Amino acid sequence: MPIEIKELHITAVVSEGDEKIPSAKDRQKMKEEIIAECLEQVMKILEDKEER
């Protein structure tokens, strides 16, 4: 039986602040960290499936 969503409430908080925009080097480092973490989690899932 399909579910129909009649209302969707989205709340966002936008702040003006002293947040520093990361440099290209910092963004690259963050991407590499995210990729490494994703790869680690995928490998863990695959290992868990092989054990079954």
C-alpha atoms as a PDB file:
ATOM      1  CA  MET A   1       0.000   0.000   0.000  1.00  0.00           C
ATOM      2  CA  PRO A   2       1.627   3.321  -1.025  1.00  0.00           C
ATOM      3  CA  ILE A   3       2.151   6.089   1.484  1.00  0.00           C
ATOM      4  CA  GLU A   4       1.149   9.596   0.456  1.00  0.00           C
ATOM      5  CA  ILE A   5       2.896  12.555   2.073  1.00  0.00           C
ATOM      6  CA  LYS A   6       0.575  15.534   2.145  1.00  0.00           C
ATOM      7  CA  GLU A   7       2.792  17.947   4.058  1.00  0.00           C
ATOM      8  CA  LEU A   8       6.497  18.325   4.374  1.00  0.00           C
ATOM      9  CA  HIS A   9       7.999  20.766   6.854  1.00  0.00           C
ATOM     10  CA  ILE A  10      11.598  21.823   6.342  1.00  0.00           C
ATOM     11  CA  THR A  11      13.447  23.977   8.821  1.00  0.00           C
ATOM     12  CA  ALA A  12      16.771  25.569   8.030  1.00  0.00           C
ATOM     13  CA  VAL A  13      19.012  27.744  10.108  1.00  0.00           C
ATOM     14  CA  VAL A  14      21.210  30.201   8.278  1.00  0.00           C
ATOM     15  CA  SER A  15      23.750  32.026  10.331  1.00  0.00           C
ATOM     16  CA  GLU A  16      25.964  34.891   9.453  1.00  0.00           C
ATOM     17  CA  GLY A  17      29.193  34.397  11.193  1.00  0.00           C
ATOM     18  CA  ASP A  18      32.889  34.254  11.107  1.00  0.00           C
ATOM     19  CA  GLU A  19      32.857  30.851   9.482  1.00  0.00           C
ATOM     20  CA  LYS A  20      35.938  30.451   7.375  1.00  0.00           C
ATOM     21  CA  ILE A  21      35.490  29.178   3.847  1.00  0.00           C
ATOM     22  CA  PRO A  22      37.840  26.208   3.467  1.00  0.00           C
ATOM     23  CA  SER A  23      40.633  26.567   0.983  1.00  0.00           C
ATOM     24  CA  ALA A  24      41.015  24.199  -1.956  1.00  0.00           C
ATOM     25  CA  LYS A  25      43.690  22.300  -0.047  1.00  0.00           C
ATOM     26  CA  ASP A  26      41.429  21.923   3.007  1.00  0.00           C
ATOM     27  CA  ARG A  27      38.490  20.801   0.836  1.00  0.00           C
ATOM     28  CA  GLN A  28      40.672  18.174  -0.844  1.00  0.00           C
ATOM     29  CA  LYS A  29      41.799  16.899   2.569  1.00  0.00           C
ATOM     30  CA  MET A  30      38.180  16.705   3.760  1.00  0.00           C
ATOM     31  CA  LYS A  31      37.175  14.792   0.606  1.00  0.00           C
ATOM     32  CA  GLU A  32      40.000  12.313   1.118  1.00  0.00           C
ATOM     33  CA  GLU A  33      38.988  11.786   4.756  1.00  0.00           C
ATOM     34  CA  ILE A  34      35.359  11.191   3.772  1.00  0.00           C
ATOM     35  CA  ILE A  35      36.360   8.757   1.027  1.00  0.00           C
ATOM     36  CA  ALA A  36      38.670   6.881   3.398  1.00  0.00           C
ATOM     37  CA  GLU A  37      35.927   6.611   6.018  1.00  0.00           C
ATOM     38  CA  CYS A  38      33.378   5.398   3.440  1.00  0.00           C
ATOM     39  CA  LEU A  39      35.819   2.824   2.116  1.00  0.00           C
ATOM     40  CA  GLU A  40      36.497   1.602   5.640  1.00  0.00           C
ATOM     41  CA  GLN A  41      32.776   1.189   6.322  1.00  0.00           C
ATOM     42  CA  VAL A  42      32.161  -0.608   3.018  1.00  0.00           C
ATOM     43  CA  MET A  43      35.030  -3.007   3.706  1.00  0.00           C
ATOM     44  CA  LYS A  44      33.627  -3.700   7.184  1.00  0.00           C
ATOM     45  CA  ILE A  45      30.186  -4.458   5.723  1.00  0.00           C
ATOM     46  CA  LEU A  46      31.724  -6.805   3.149  1.00  0.00           C
ATOM     47  CA  GLU A  47      33.735  -8.598   5.834  1.00  0.00           C
ATOM     48  CA  ASP A  48      30.601  -9.004   7.951  1.00  0.00           C
ATOM     49  CA  LYS A  49      28.728 -10.504   4.993  1.00  0.00           C
ATOM     50  CA  GLU A  50      31.552 -12.948   4.260  1.00  0.00           C
ATOM     51  CA  GLU A  51      31.465 -14.210   7.865  1.00  0.00           C
ATOM     52  CA  ARG A  52      27.819 -15.244   7.551  1.00  0.00           C
END
